[in-house]
Protein backbone atom coordinates (compact mmCIF):
# COMPACT_ATOMS: atom_id res chain seq x y z
CA MET A 1 -13.13 10.51 8.42
CA LEU A 2 -12.60 6.98 7.15
CA ARG A 3 -15.54 4.54 6.54
CA THR A 4 -15.83 1.67 8.90
CA VAL A 5 -17.26 -1.53 7.71
CA THR A 6 -17.87 -4.94 9.58
CA VAL A 7 -16.41 -8.21 8.12
CA THR A 8 -19.11 -10.50 7.44
CA ARG A 9 -17.16 -13.16 5.55
CA TYR A 10 -13.75 -14.40 5.41
CA VAL A 11 -13.21 -15.14 1.90
CA THR A 12 -9.60 -16.18 1.32
CA PRO A 13 -6.05 -15.62 2.74
CA LEU A 14 -3.19 -13.88 0.61
CA ARG A 15 -0.27 -15.73 1.37
CA GLU A 16 2.11 -13.76 -0.78
CA GLY A 17 3.33 -11.69 2.60
CA GLY A 18 4.26 -13.08 5.88
CA SER A 19 1.49 -11.12 7.78
CA LEU A 20 -1.36 -13.32 5.94
CA PRO A 21 -3.69 -10.63 4.77
CA ALA A 22 -6.89 -11.69 3.40
CA ILE A 23 -9.96 -10.94 1.16
CA VAL A 24 -13.10 -10.54 3.23
CA GLU A 25 -16.66 -9.33 2.49
CA GLY A 26 -17.85 -6.35 4.26
CA SER A 27 -21.17 -5.27 5.73
CA ASP A 28 -21.52 -3.20 2.65
CA GLU A 29 -21.21 -6.18 0.53
CA GLY A 30 -17.85 -4.88 -0.77
CA LEU A 31 -14.53 -6.92 -0.73
CA TYR A 32 -11.53 -5.67 1.00
CA VAL A 33 -7.85 -6.73 1.59
CA VAL A 34 -7.55 -6.78 5.30
CA LYS A 35 -4.30 -6.25 7.27
CA PHE A 36 -4.74 -7.74 10.82
CA ARG A 37 -3.70 -6.02 13.97
CA GLY A 38 -2.75 -9.44 15.21
CA ALA A 39 -0.09 -10.22 12.54
CA GLY A 40 3.55 -10.22 13.16
CA GLN A 41 4.15 -6.47 12.30
CA GLY A 42 1.59 -5.47 15.08
CA VAL A 43 -0.57 -2.29 14.97
CA LYS A 44 2.25 -0.03 13.85
CA ALA A 45 1.98 -1.56 10.26
CA LEU A 46 -1.63 -0.50 10.34
CA VAL A 47 -0.70 3.03 11.42
CA ALA A 48 1.89 3.21 8.66
CA GLU A 49 -0.63 1.91 6.18
CA LEU A 50 -3.34 4.50 6.96
CA ILE A 51 -1.01 7.46 7.03
CA ALA A 52 0.88 6.55 3.79
CA GLY A 53 -2.28 5.69 2.07
CA GLU A 54 -4.27 8.98 2.90
CA LEU A 55 -1.19 11.13 2.42
CA ALA A 56 -0.57 9.72 -1.22
CA ARG A 57 -4.33 10.18 -1.90
CA ALA A 58 -3.86 13.98 -0.93
CA LEU A 59 -0.86 14.20 -3.07
CA GLY A 60 -3.05 12.91 -6.14
CA LEU A 61 -1.69 9.42 -6.29
CA LYS A 62 -3.89 6.39 -6.83
CA VAL A 63 -4.59 4.20 -3.71
CA PRO A 64 -7.53 1.78 -3.12
CA GLU A 65 -9.88 3.32 -0.56
CA VAL A 66 -8.68 2.76 3.06
CA VAL A 67 -11.40 1.59 5.36
CA LEU A 68 -11.50 0.59 9.07
CA VAL A 69 -12.89 -2.94 9.68
CA GLU A 70 -14.46 -4.39 12.66
CA LEU A 71 -13.62 -8.04 13.17
CA ASP A 72 -15.71 -10.42 15.27
CA PRO A 73 -13.27 -13.10 16.19
CA ALA A 74 -16.07 -15.70 16.19
CA LEU A 75 -15.79 -15.37 12.37
CA GLY A 76 -12.83 -17.65 12.56
CA ARG A 77 -14.32 -20.71 14.71
CA ALA A 78 -14.94 -22.79 11.64
CA GLU A 79 -11.67 -21.97 10.16
CA PRO A 80 -9.67 -25.22 9.63
CA ASP A 81 -6.34 -23.56 9.27
CA GLY A 82 -4.83 -23.19 12.99
CA GLU A 83 -2.53 -20.29 11.90
CA ILE A 84 -5.43 -18.31 10.47
CA ARG A 85 -7.91 -19.17 13.30
CA ASP A 86 -5.15 -17.79 15.72
CA LEU A 87 -4.76 -14.62 13.64
CA LEU A 88 -8.55 -13.76 13.65
CA LYS A 89 -8.65 -14.25 17.33
CA ALA A 90 -5.84 -12.09 17.89
CA SER A 91 -7.20 -9.47 15.65
CA ALA A 92 -10.65 -8.77 17.38
CA GLY A 93 -11.66 -5.38 17.11
CA LEU A 94 -10.58 -2.66 14.65
CA ASN A 95 -8.41 -3.44 11.75
CA LEU A 96 -7.51 -1.82 8.53
CA ALA A 97 -8.12 -2.76 4.83
CA LEU A 98 -7.98 -1.49 1.16
CA ASP A 99 -10.58 -1.80 -1.36
CA TYR A 100 -10.20 -4.80 -3.50
CA LEU A 101 -9.33 -3.95 -7.01
CA PRO A 102 -10.78 -6.97 -9.10
CA GLY A 103 -8.71 -7.97 -12.10
CA SER A 104 -5.76 -5.91 -11.19
CA LEU A 105 -2.34 -7.17 -11.97
CA THR A 106 1.09 -6.74 -10.26
CA PHE A 107 3.29 -4.27 -11.98
CA ASP A 108 6.09 -5.88 -13.69
CA PRO A 109 9.12 -3.70 -14.59
CA VAL A 110 10.35 -6.07 -17.50
CA ALA A 111 6.79 -6.52 -18.89
CA GLY A 112 5.33 -3.04 -18.44
CA PRO A 113 3.48 -1.11 -19.32
CA ALA A 114 5.97 1.61 -18.66
CA PRO A 115 4.73 4.59 -16.35
CA SER A 116 5.03 8.06 -17.54
CA PRO A 117 8.06 10.09 -16.26
CA GLU A 118 5.58 12.27 -14.05
CA VAL A 119 3.97 9.49 -12.31
CA ALA A 120 7.20 7.66 -11.88
CA SER A 121 8.64 10.68 -10.23
CA ALA A 122 5.84 11.43 -8.07
CA ILE A 123 5.87 7.92 -6.58
CA VAL A 124 9.52 7.84 -6.12
CA TRP A 125 9.20 11.19 -4.35
CA PHE A 126 6.40 9.99 -2.25
CA ASP A 127 8.17 6.71 -1.18
CA ALA A 128 11.29 8.78 -0.32
CA PHE A 129 9.09 11.11 1.86
CA ILE A 130 7.67 8.22 3.82
CA THR A 131 10.83 6.25 3.89
CA ASN A 132 9.13 3.28 2.14
CA VAL A 133 11.54 0.50 1.90
CA ASP A 134 9.17 -1.96 0.13
CA ARG A 135 8.82 -0.82 -3.51
CA THR A 136 11.63 -2.94 -5.11
CA PRO A 137 11.70 -4.94 -8.50
CA LYS A 138 11.26 -8.01 -6.38
CA ASN A 139 8.25 -6.59 -4.44
CA PRO A 140 7.00 -3.51 -6.10
CA ASN A 141 3.49 -3.18 -4.32
CA LEU A 142 2.06 -1.55 -7.28
CA LEU A 143 -1.12 -2.64 -8.97
CA CYS A 144 -1.87 -2.08 -12.80
CA TRP A 145 -5.79 -1.41 -12.83
CA HIS A 146 -7.53 0.30 -15.62
CA LYS A 147 -4.46 1.37 -17.19
CA GLU A 148 -3.07 3.16 -14.19
CA LEU A 149 -0.69 2.54 -11.34
CA TRP A 150 -2.18 1.87 -8.01
CA LEU A 151 0.01 2.05 -4.68
CA ILE A 152 -0.59 -0.68 -2.06
CA ASP A 153 1.15 -2.19 1.13
CA HIS A 154 2.69 0.63 2.98
CA GLY A 155 3.10 -1.15 6.42
CA ALA A 156 6.89 -1.02 6.14
CA SER A 157 6.93 2.72 5.70
CA LEU A 158 7.42 5.14 8.56
CA TYR A 159 9.94 2.77 10.19
CA PHE A 160 11.11 5.56 12.51
CA HIS A 161 8.05 4.85 14.75
CA HIS A 162 9.83 1.67 15.86
CA ASP A 163 12.05 3.52 17.71
CA TRP A 164 11.03 7.04 18.86
CA ASP A 165 14.30 8.10 20.20
CA GLY A 166 15.95 10.77 18.34
CA TYR A 167 13.03 10.47 15.76
CA LEU A 168 13.06 14.00 14.58
CA GLU A 169 16.77 14.08 14.05
CA ARG A 170 16.16 11.01 11.69
CA SER A 171 13.41 12.73 9.83
CA HIS A 172 16.19 14.60 7.76
CA SER A 173 17.74 11.41 6.36
CA PRO A 174 18.56 11.48 2.53
CA PHE A 175 17.07 7.88 2.39
CA ALA A 176 19.69 5.77 0.85
CA PRO A 177 17.28 2.81 -0.02
CA ILE A 178 15.65 4.75 -2.74
CA ARG A 179 18.36 3.34 -4.93
CA GLN A 180 16.22 0.15 -4.91
CA HIS A 181 13.12 1.65 -6.03
CA VAL A 182 11.37 -0.17 -8.90
CA LEU A 183 10.29 3.00 -10.75
CA LEU A 184 13.56 4.97 -10.35
CA PRO A 185 14.56 4.18 -14.02
CA TRP A 186 11.59 6.41 -15.24
CA ALA A 187 11.75 8.89 -12.71
CA SER A 188 12.95 11.72 -14.86
CA ARG A 189 11.06 14.63 -13.44
CA LEU A 190 12.13 14.52 -9.83
CA ALA A 191 13.30 18.04 -9.64
CA GLU A 192 10.02 19.26 -11.43
CA VAL A 193 7.73 17.42 -9.02
CA ASP A 194 9.48 18.17 -5.73
CA SER A 195 8.11 21.70 -5.15
CA ALA A 196 4.63 20.87 -6.09
CA LEU A 197 4.18 17.89 -4.00
CA ALA A 198 6.14 19.27 -0.98
CA ALA A 199 3.70 22.17 -1.21
CA ARG A 200 0.69 19.78 -0.74
CA VAL A 201 2.06 18.50 2.53
CA THR A 202 0.46 21.19 4.60
CA PRO A 203 -0.22 21.15 8.31
CA GLU A 204 -3.96 21.04 7.51
CA VAL A 205 -3.59 17.78 5.46
CA VAL A 206 -1.04 16.24 7.87
CA ASN A 207 -3.39 16.88 10.89
CA SER A 208 -6.30 15.52 9.04
CA VAL A 209 -4.51 12.46 8.18
CA VAL A 210 -3.20 11.71 11.61
CA SER A 211 -6.46 12.66 13.28
CA SER A 212 -7.95 9.63 11.53
CA ILE A 213 -5.78 7.06 13.33
CA PRO A 214 -7.97 5.15 15.82
CA GLU A 215 -7.26 5.85 19.39
CA ALA A 216 -6.89 2.25 20.31
CA TRP A 217 -3.97 1.91 17.98
CA LEU A 218 -2.01 4.79 19.84
CA GLN A 219 -2.41 3.71 23.34
CA GLY A 220 0.27 2.04 25.38
CA GLU A 221 3.37 3.78 23.57
CA PRO A 222 5.83 4.20 26.72
CA HIS A 223 7.70 6.98 24.95
CA PHE A 224 4.58 9.38 25.29
CA GLY A 225 2.44 10.22 28.16
CA SER A 226 -0.87 10.42 26.33
CA VAL A 227 -2.55 9.53 22.95
CA ASP A 228 -2.61 12.97 21.82
CA ALA A 229 1.17 13.44 22.30
CA HIS A 230 1.77 10.17 20.43
CA ARG A 231 -0.60 11.43 17.63
CA ALA A 232 1.13 14.79 17.55
CA ALA A 233 4.42 13.27 17.05
CA TYR A 234 3.53 11.75 13.88
CA ALA A 235 2.48 14.96 12.70
CA THR A 236 5.57 16.76 13.75
CA TRP A 237 7.76 14.21 11.90
CA LEU A 238 5.88 14.32 8.56
CA LEU A 239 6.22 18.15 8.54
CA GLU A 240 9.91 17.92 9.49
CA ARG A 241 10.28 15.28 6.76
CA ARG A 242 8.70 17.73 4.13
CA LYS A 243 11.44 20.16 5.04
CA ALA A 244 14.01 17.46 4.01
CA SER A 245 12.73 16.91 0.49
CA PRO A 246 15.89 18.80 -1.24
CA ARG A 247 17.97 16.01 0.76
CA PHE A 248 16.05 12.99 -0.33
CA VAL A 249 15.46 14.27 -3.91
CA GLU A 250 19.15 14.80 -4.07
CA GLU A 251 19.90 11.36 -3.13
CA ALA A 252 17.32 9.86 -5.69
CA LEU A 253 18.86 11.86 -8.43
CA ARG A 254 22.27 10.80 -7.45
CA ALA A 255 20.99 7.14 -7.39
CA ARG A 256 19.19 7.54 -10.90
CA ALA A 257 22.32 8.87 -12.47
CA GLU A 258 24.23 5.82 -11.56
CA LEU A 259 21.54 3.75 -13.48
CA VAL A 260 22.16 5.51 -16.78
């Protein structure tokens, strides 16, 4: 189960992205980067962030702790920025946050440090698995912290859930956008990591992850008759996607061969 904290102080907005995430202080006195349910991407971005983050952790990748955060809209009453004030009001209730990594730096593919082939390959595999279109040289969504790469910002992954029609058929796509992946040049162990990572995506792991999605985030989806059916659809897609690993690994290998 994910921990739940309450926002006690809005510290500062992070204006790098269009969804206006922010650094906040929680009731445990920790600092977190909050993704708001009232932002333009809506609650589906939070679902993707939760699923991707917890699956990455299960695969042994570095991800800041994912927590659920309760937000009282009264927190924004004294906020002078109208856009932020409206965002806080629209995000009352349960939101999602990542642990803030103080002193971390955005990964620069030119400046380095270069990742190991094993780490690069595992991250490329993972992003092809979750269909993450947002790990490019322009927007790597990787932090360097204590000499390791940490994965952040997965709200654009799992984009199948924006259109549930034919979603299982689309789970077997080769994922052509992998050719834009910032770590592809270093991912020389894709074939080696494939079987090991796919084996970790078990029904037990998948069901554990999707069971942690708050019920409120799954309500109101017209394609499903119940929250349980909606939740089960995520699990089914992830397990079907695991079966497609030979296809998306082959696509990644093809794209990498074109780089060298």
